[in-house]
Amino acid sequence: MLKSAVYSILAASLVNAGTIPLGKLSDIDKIGTQTEIFPFLGGSGPYYSFPGDYGISRDLPESCEMKQVQMVGRHGER
């Protein structure tokens, strides 16, 4: 019983995972090249804005007011 419940939950989560925009398939050949390398460096590169929006609007709702902005900076030793 528990095993089938776990499998059901995993299967349901896989259905939702397909809705995340993954970019263009034509970009797959750029991995390992110097063409637009920053998006593929992950945490080792500078900030790069992902072209997909995950279906979330960037605009504030009319009832909201921005009071504070938190900036995140990274540093590291190389």
PDB file of N, CA and C in Angstrom:
ATOM      1  N   MET A   1       0.826  -1.197   0.000  1.00  0.00           N
ATOM      2  CA  MET A   1       0.000   0.000   0.000  1.00  0.00           C
ATOM      3  C   MET A   1       0.865   1.253   0.000  1.00  0.00           C
ATOM      4  N   LEU A   2       1.832   1.298   0.898  1.00  0.00           N
ATOM      5  CA  LEU A   2       2.714   2.465   0.988  1.00  0.00           C
ATOM      6  C   LEU A   2       3.534   2.619  -0.288  1.00  0.00           C
ATOM      7  N   LYS A   3       3.982   1.486  -0.814  1.00  0.00           N
ATOM      8  CA  LYS A   3       4.797   1.520  -2.032  1.00  0.00           C
ATOM      9  C   LYS A   3       4.004   2.104  -3.207  1.00  0.00           C
ATOM     10  N   SER A   4       2.753   1.702  -3.349  1.00  0.00           N
ATOM     11  CA  SER A   4       1.945   2.222  -4.459  1.00  0.00           C
ATOM     12  C   SER A   4       1.621   3.701  -4.256  1.00  0.00           C
ATOM     13  N   ALA A   5       1.472   4.129  -3.007  1.00  0.00           N
ATOM     14  CA  ALA A   5       1.222   5.552  -2.739  1.00  0.00           C
ATOM     15  C   ALA A   5       2.435   6.389  -3.121  1.00  0.00           C
ATOM     16  N   VAL A   6       3.625   5.892  -2.801  1.00  0.00           N
ATOM     17  CA  VAL A   6       4.860   6.603  -3.150  1.00  0.00           C
ATOM     18  C   VAL A   6       4.998   6.693  -4.665  1.00  0.00           C
ATOM     19  N   TYR A   7       4.717   5.599  -5.361  1.00  0.00           N
ATOM     20  CA  TYR A   7       4.796   5.614  -6.823  1.00  0.00           C
ATOM     21  C   TYR A   7       3.781   6.590  -7.423  1.00  0.00           C
ATOM     22  N   SER A   8       2.600   6.668  -6.839  1.00  0.00           N
ATOM     23  CA  SER A   8       1.582   7.603  -7.333  1.00  0.00           C
ATOM     24  C   SER A   8       2.034   9.045  -7.167  1.00  0.00           C
ATOM     25  N   ILE A   9       2.636   9.349  -6.024  1.00  0.00           N
ATOM     26  CA  ILE A   9       3.127  10.709  -5.772  1.00  0.00           C
ATOM     27  C   ILE A   9       4.253  11.052  -6.738  1.00  0.00           C
ATOM     28  N   LEU A  10       5.176  10.130  -6.950  1.00  0.00           N
ATOM     29  CA  LEU A  10       6.275  10.371  -7.888  1.00  0.00           C
ATOM     30  C   LEU A  10       5.756  10.573  -9.307  1.00  0.00           C
ATOM     31  N   ALA A  11       4.798   9.780  -9.712  1.00  0.00           N
ATOM     32  CA  ALA A  11       4.242   9.922 -11.059  1.00  0.00           C
ATOM     33  C   ALA A  11       3.544  11.268 -11.218  1.00  0.00           C
ATOM     34  N   ALA A  12       2.833  11.704 -10.188  1.00  0.00           N
ATOM     35  CA  ALA A  12       2.149  13.000 -10.251  1.00  0.00           C
ATOM     36  C   ALA A  12       3.150  14.142 -10.328  1.00  0.00           C
ATOM     37  N   SER A  13       4.265  14.021  -9.624  1.00  0.00           N
ATOM     38  CA  SER A  13       5.268  15.092  -9.665  1.00  0.00           C
ATOM     39  C   SER A  13       5.954  15.147 -11.024  1.00  0.00           C
ATOM     40  N   LEU A  14       6.101  14.028 -11.692  1.00  0.00           N
ATOM     41  CA  LEU A  14       6.715  14.022 -13.021  1.00  0.00           C
ATOM     42  C   LEU A  14       5.813  14.695 -14.046  1.00  0.00           C
ATOM     43  N   VAL A  15       4.519  14.592 -13.882  1.00  0.00           N
ATOM     44  CA  VAL A  15       3.586  15.243 -14.799  1.00  0.00           C
ATOM     45  C   VAL A  15       3.760  16.750 -14.716  1.00  0.00           C
ATOM     46  N   ASN A  16       3.901  17.299 -13.516  1.00  0.00           N
ATOM     47  CA  ASN A  16       4.072  18.740 -13.338  1.00  0.00           C
ATOM     48  C   ASN A  16       5.454  19.210 -13.766  1.00  0.00           C
ATOM     49  N   ALA A  17       6.444  18.353 -13.722  1.00  0.00           N
ATOM     50  CA  ALA A  17       7.806  18.757 -14.080  1.00  0.00           C
ATOM     51  C   ALA A  17       7.908  19.117 -15.556  1.00  0.00           C
ATOM     52  N   GLY A  18       7.066  18.580 -16.383  1.00  0.00           N
ATOM     53  CA  GLY A  18       7.112  18.870 -17.807  1.00  0.00           C
ATOM     54  C   GLY A  18       6.626  20.257 -18.170  1.00  0.00           C
ATOM     55  N   THR A  19       6.012  20.977 -17.239  1.00  0.00           N
ATOM     56  CA  THR A  19       5.467  22.292 -17.551  1.00  0.00           C
ATOM     57  C   THR A  19       6.494  23.409 -17.412  1.00  0.00           C
ATOM     58  N   ILE A  20       7.683  23.136 -16.897  1.00  0.00           N
ATOM     59  CA  ILE A  20       8.712  24.163 -16.734  1.00  0.00           C
ATOM     60  C   ILE A  20       9.366  24.419 -18.086  1.00  0.00           C
ATOM     61  N   PRO A  21       9.416  25.676 -18.556  1.00  0.00           N
ATOM     62  CA  PRO A  21      10.066  25.952 -19.838  1.00  0.00           C
ATOM     63  C   PRO A  21      11.564  25.697 -19.737  1.00  0.00           C
ATOM     64  N   LEU A  22      12.092  24.948 -20.660  1.00  0.00           N
ATOM     65  CA  LEU A  22      13.502  24.567 -20.604  1.00  0.00           C
ATOM     66  C   LEU A  22      14.356  25.284 -21.634  1.00  0.00           C
ATOM     67  N   GLY A  23      13.840  26.293 -22.265  1.00  0.00           N
ATOM     68  CA  GLY A  23      14.607  26.964 -23.299  1.00  0.00           C
ATOM     69  C   GLY A  23      14.419  26.262 -24.632  1.00  0.00           C
ATOM     70  N   LYS A  24      15.259  26.612 -25.587  1.00  0.00           N
ATOM     71  CA  LYS A  24      15.126  26.040 -26.927  1.00  0.00           C
ATOM     72  C   LYS A  24      16.029  24.819 -27.071  1.00  0.00           C
ATOM     73  N   LEU A  25      15.536  23.808 -27.743  1.00  0.00           N
ATOM     74  CA  LEU A  25      16.356  22.626 -27.992  1.00  0.00           C
ATOM     75  C   LEU A  25      17.528  22.942 -28.904  1.00  0.00           C
ATOM     76  N   SER A  26      17.413  23.992 -29.716  1.00  0.00           N
ATOM     77  CA  SER A  26      18.507  24.346 -30.614  1.00  0.00           C
ATOM     78  C   SER A  26      19.734  24.827 -29.835  1.00  0.00           C
ATOM     79  N   ASP A  27      19.553  25.211 -28.563  1.00  0.00           N
ATOM     80  CA  ASP A  27      20.681  25.667 -27.746  1.00  0.00           C
ATOM     81  C   ASP A  27      21.526  24.519 -27.211  1.00  0.00           C
ATOM     82  N   ILE A  28      21.075  23.279 -27.350  1.00  0.00           N
ATOM     83  CA  ILE A  28      21.792  22.148 -26.760  1.00  0.00           C
ATOM     84  C   ILE A  28      23.191  21.991 -27.354  1.00  0.00           C
ATOM     85  N   ASP A  29      23.381  22.382 -28.641  1.00  0.00           N
ATOM     86  CA  ASP A  29      24.723  22.220 -29.239  1.00  0.00           C
ATOM     87  C   ASP A  29      25.708  23.244 -28.682  1.00  0.00           C
ATOM     88  N   LYS A  30      25.222  24.272 -27.986  1.00  0.00           N
ATOM     89  CA  LYS A  30      26.123  25.295 -27.454  1.00  0.00           C
ATOM     90  C   LYS A  30      26.832  24.844 -26.182  1.00  0.00           C
ATOM     91  N   ILE A  31      26.345  23.779 -25.546  1.00  0.00           N
ATOM     92  CA  ILE A  31      26.992  23.285 -24.336  1.00  0.00           C
ATOM     93  C   ILE A  31      28.379  22.768 -24.705  1.00  0.00           C
ATOM     94  N   GLY A  32      29.388  23.238 -24.002  1.00  0.00           N
ATOM     95  CA  GLY A  32      30.760  22.828 -24.276  1.00  0.00           C
ATOM     96  C   GLY A  32      31.458  23.698 -25.296  1.00  0.00           C
ATOM     97  N   THR A  33      30.797  24.729 -25.805  1.00  0.00           N
ATOM     98  CA  THR A  33      31.418  25.646 -26.754  1.00  0.00           C
ATOM     99  C   THR A  33      31.596  27.002 -26.091  1.00  0.00           C
ATOM    100  N   GLN A  34      32.228  27.915 -26.776  1.00  0.00           N
ATOM    101  CA  GLN A  34      32.422  29.264 -26.254  1.00  0.00           C
ATOM    102  C   GLN A  34      31.284  30.197 -26.646  1.00  0.00           C
ATOM    103  N   THR A  35      30.326  29.717 -27.432  1.00  0.00           N
ATOM    104  CA  THR A  35      29.206  30.544 -27.856  1.00  0.00           C
ATOM    105  C   THR A  35      28.219  30.668 -26.708  1.00  0.00           C
ATOM    106  N   GLU A  36      28.012  31.885 -26.240  1.00  0.00           N
ATOM    107  CA  GLU A  36      27.079  32.137 -25.141  1.00  0.00           C
ATOM    108  C   GLU A  36      27.289  31.150 -23.997  1.00  0.00           C
ATOM    109  N   ILE A  37      28.477  31.134 -23.436  1.00  0.00           N
ATOM    110  CA  ILE A  37      28.826  30.143 -22.418  1.00  0.00           C
ATOM    111  C   ILE A  37      28.215  30.452 -21.048  1.00  0.00           C
ATOM    112  N   PHE A  38      27.944  31.728 -20.746  1.00  0.00           N
ATOM    113  CA  PHE A  38      27.494  32.102 -19.407  1.00  0.00           C
ATOM    114  C   PHE A  38      26.220  31.391 -18.942  1.00  0.00           C
ATOM    115  N   PRO A  39      25.217  31.182 -19.795  1.00  0.00           N
ATOM    116  CA  PRO A  39      24.021  30.497 -19.299  1.00  0.00           C
ATOM    117  C   PRO A  39      24.283  29.069 -18.838  1.00  0.00           C
ATOM    118  N   PHE A  40      25.359  28.459 -19.288  1.00  0.00           N
ATOM    119  CA  PHE A  40      25.616  27.060 -18.977  1.00  0.00           C
ATOM    120  C   PHE A  40      26.619  26.873 -17.837  1.00  0.00           C
ATOM    121  N   LEU A  41      27.102  27.967 -17.239  1.00  0.00           N
ATOM    122  CA  LEU A  41      28.082  27.854 -16.159  1.00  0.00           C
ATOM    123  C   LEU A  41      27.445  27.638 -14.796  1.00  0.00           C
ATOM    124  N   GLY A  42      26.151  27.853 -14.684  1.00  0.00           N
ATOM    125  CA  GLY A  42      25.474  27.653 -13.400  1.00  0.00           C
ATOM    126  C   GLY A  42      26.008  28.610 -12.352  1.00  0.00           C
ATOM    127  N   GLY A  43      26.330  28.103 -11.178  1.00  0.00           N
ATOM    128  CA  GLY A  43      26.815  28.924 -10.076  1.00  0.00           C
ATOM    129  C   GLY A  43      28.223  29.431 -10.252  1.00  0.00           C
ATOM    130  N   SER A  44      28.941  28.945 -11.251  1.00  0.00           N
ATOM    131  CA  SER A  44      30.327  29.375 -11.462  1.00  0.00           C
ATOM    132  C   SER A  44      30.431  30.604 -12.355  1.00  0.00           C
ATOM    133  N   GLY A  45      29.338  31.074 -12.906  1.00  0.00           N
ATOM    134  CA  GLY A  45      29.371  32.212 -13.817  1.00  0.00           C
ATOM    135  C   GLY A  45      28.677  33.425 -13.235  1.00  0.00           C
ATOM    136  N   PRO A  46      28.687  34.514 -13.982  1.00  0.00           N
ATOM    137  CA  PRO A  46      27.975  35.715 -13.531  1.00  0.00           C
ATOM    138  C   PRO A  46      26.465  35.498 -13.616  1.00  0.00           C
ATOM    139  N   TYR A  47      25.701  36.451 -13.076  1.00  0.00           N
ATOM    140  CA  TYR A  47      24.238  36.344 -13.107  1.00  0.00           C
ATOM    141  C   TYR A  47      23.758  36.295 -14.550  1.00  0.00           C
ATOM    142  N   TYR A  48      22.869  35.394 -14.817  1.00  0.00           N
ATOM    143  CA  TYR A  48      22.269  35.275 -16.142  1.00  0.00           C
ATOM    144  C   TYR A  48      20.774  35.069 -15.957  1.00  0.00           C
ATOM    145  N   SER A  49      19.969  35.897 -16.575  1.00  0.00           N
ATOM    146  CA  SER A  49      18.519  35.792 -16.457  1.00  0.00           C
ATOM    147  C   SER A  49      18.011  34.728 -17.425  1.00  0.00           C
ATOM    148  N   PHE A  50      17.326  33.735 -16.899  1.00  0.00           N
ATOM    149  CA  PHE A  50      16.773  32.665 -17.721  1.00  0.00           C
ATOM    150  C   PHE A  50      15.654  33.234 -18.581  1.00  0.00           C
ATOM    151  N   PRO A  51      15.608  32.904 -19.873  1.00  0.00           N
ATOM    152  CA  PRO A  51      14.599  33.497 -20.753  1.00  0.00           C
ATOM    153  C   PRO A  51      13.167  33.076 -20.428  1.00  0.00           C
ATOM    154  N   GLY A  52      12.974  31.949 -19.762  1.00  0.00           N
ATOM    155  CA  GLY A  52      11.622  31.525 -19.402  1.00  0.00           C
ATOM    156  C   GLY A  52      11.150  32.237 -18.151  1.00  0.00           C
ATOM    157  N   ASP A  53       9.843  32.353 -17.990  1.00  0.00           N
ATOM    158  CA  ASP A  53       9.318  33.048 -16.816  1.00  0.00           C
ATOM    159  C   ASP A  53       8.561  32.120 -15.878  1.00  0.00           C
ATOM    160  N   TYR A  54       8.524  30.831 -16.154  1.00  0.00           N
ATOM    161  CA  TYR A  54       7.842  29.835 -15.331  1.00  0.00           C
ATOM    162  C   TYR A  54       6.362  30.163 -15.143  1.00  0.00           C
ATOM    163  N   GLY A  55       5.800  31.017 -16.013  1.00  0.00           N
ATOM    164  CA  GLY A  55       4.392  31.357 -15.927  1.00  0.00           C
ATOM    165  C   GLY A  55       4.056  32.356 -14.832  1.00  0.00           C
ATOM    166  N   ILE A  56       5.074  32.980 -14.236  1.00  0.00           N
ATOM    167  CA  ILE A  56       4.859  33.941 -13.152  1.00  0.00           C
ATOM    168  C   ILE A  56       5.110  35.341 -13.693  1.00  0.00           C
ATOM    169  N   SER A  57       4.152  36.224 -13.498  1.00  0.00           N
ATOM    170  CA  SER A  57       4.296  37.602 -13.960  1.00  0.00           C
ATOM    171  C   SER A  57       5.323  38.344 -13.111  1.00  0.00           C
ATOM    172  N   ARG A  58       6.126  39.202 -13.733  1.00  0.00           N
ATOM    173  CA  ARG A  58       7.113  40.000 -12.992  1.00  0.00           C
ATOM    174  C   ARG A  58       6.504  41.269 -12.406  1.00  0.00           C
ATOM    175  N   ASP A  59       5.317  41.631 -12.871  1.00  0.00           N
ATOM    176  CA  ASP A  59       4.654  42.846 -12.395  1.00  0.00           C
ATOM    177  C   ASP A  59       4.067  42.634 -11.005  1.00  0.00           C
ATOM    178  N   LEU A  60       4.108  43.703 -10.205  1.00  0.00           N
ATOM    179  CA  LEU A  60       3.486  43.650  -8.884  1.00  0.00           C
ATOM    180  C   LEU A  60       1.973  43.741  -9.032  1.00  0.00           C
ATOM    181  N   PRO A  61       1.233  42.993  -8.225  1.00  0.00           N
ATOM    182  CA  PRO A  61      -0.220  43.174  -8.231  1.00  0.00           C
ATOM    183  C   PRO A  61      -0.574  44.590  -7.780  1.00  0.00           C
ATOM    184  N   GLU A  62      -1.720  45.096  -8.210  1.00  0.00           N
ATOM    185  CA  GLU A  62      -2.111  46.470  -7.891  1.00  0.00           C
ATOM    186  C   GLU A  62      -2.222  46.711  -6.392  1.00  0.00           C
ATOM    187  N   SER A  63      -2.554  45.689  -5.630  1.00  0.00           N
ATOM    188  CA  SER A  63      -2.738  45.860  -4.189  1.00  0.00           C
ATOM    189  C   SER A  63      -1.416  45.812  -3.418  1.00  0.00           C
ATOM    190  N   CYS A  64      -0.300  45.587  -4.108  1.00  0.00           N
ATOM    191  CA  CYS A  64       0.997  45.479  -3.432  1.00  0.00           C
ATOM    192  C   CYS A  64       1.803  46.763  -3.593  1.00  0.00           C
ATOM    193  N   GLU A  65       2.679  46.988  -2.639  1.00  0.00           N
ATOM    194  CA  GLU A  65       3.558  48.146  -2.669  1.00  0.00           C
ATOM    195  C   GLU A  65       4.958  47.679  -2.288  1.00  0.00           C
ATOM    196  N   MET A  66       5.955  48.061  -3.075  1.00  0.00           N
ATOM    197  CA  MET A  66       7.321  47.643  -2.787  1.00  0.00           C
ATOM    198  C   MET A  66       7.911  48.558  -1.716  1.00  0.00           C
ATOM    199  N   LYS A  67       8.378  47.944  -0.626  1.00  0.00           N
ATOM    200  CA  LYS A  67       8.945  48.714   0.478  1.00  0.00           C
ATOM    201  C   LYS A  67      10.437  48.468   0.631  1.00  0.00           C
ATOM    202  N   GLN A  68      10.918  47.345   0.151  1.00  0.00           N
ATOM    203  CA  GLN A  68      12.313  46.997   0.370  1.00  0.00           C
ATOM    204  C   GLN A  68      12.805  46.151  -0.801  1.00  0.00           C
ATOM    205  N   VAL A  69      14.064  46.331  -1.147  1.00  0.00           N
ATOM    206  CA  VAL A  69      14.705  45.522  -2.178  1.00  0.00           C
ATOM    207  C   VAL A  69      15.931  44.895  -1.550  1.00  0.00           C
ATOM    208  N   GLN A  70      16.095  43.616  -1.747  1.00  0.00           N
ATOM    209  CA  GLN A  70      17.271  42.932  -1.223  1.00  0.00           C
ATOM    210  C   GLN A  70      18.152  42.534  -2.399  1.00  0.00           C
ATOM    211  N   MET A  71      19.378  43.000  -2.381  1.00  0.00           N
ATOM    212  CA  MET A  71      20.328  42.676  -3.439  1.00  0.00           C
ATOM    213  C   MET A  71      21.204  41.523  -2.957  1.00  0.00           C
ATOM    214  N   VAL A  72      21.413  40.557  -3.817  1.00  0.00           N
ATOM    215  CA  VAL A  72      22.245  39.416  -3.470  1.00  0.00           C
ATOM    216  C   VAL A  72      23.535  39.526  -4.262  1.00  0.00           C
ATOM    217  N   GLY A  73      24.650  39.507  -3.581  1.00  0.00           N
ATOM    218  CA  GLY A  73      25.946  39.567  -4.245  1.00  0.00           C
ATOM    219  C   GLY A  73      26.735  38.300  -3.974  1.00  0.00           C
ATOM    220  N   ARG A  74      27.547  37.925  -4.932  1.00  0.00           N
ATOM    221  CA  ARG A  74      28.376  36.729  -4.758  1.00  0.00           C
ATOM    222  C   ARG A  74      29.832  37.114  -4.844  1.00  0.00           C
ATOM    223  N   HIS A  75      30.633  36.409  -4.128  1.00  0.00           N
ATOM    224  CA  HIS A  75      32.072  36.575  -4.268  1.00  0.00           C
ATOM    225  C   HIS A  75      32.698  35.209  -4.038  1.00  0.00           C
ATOM    226  N   GLY A  76      33.883  35.068  -4.467  1.00  0.00           N
ATOM    227  CA  GLY A  76      34.547  33.788  -4.263  1.00  0.00           C
ATOM    228  C   GLY A  76      36.021  33.889  -4.583  1.00  0.00           C
ATOM    229  N   GLU A  77      36.740  32.920  -4.123  1.00  0.00           N
ATOM    230  CA  GLU A  77      38.175  32.869  -4.416  1.00  0.00           C
ATOM    231  C   GLU A  77      38.384  31.887  -5.551  1.00  0.00           C
ATOM    232  N   ARG A  78      39.256  32.244  -6.418  1.00  0.00           N
ATOM    233  CA  ARG A  78      39.543  31.345  -7.544  1.00  0.00           C
ATOM    234  C   ARG A  78      41.020  31.045  -7.579  1.00  0.00           C
TER     235      ARG A  78
END
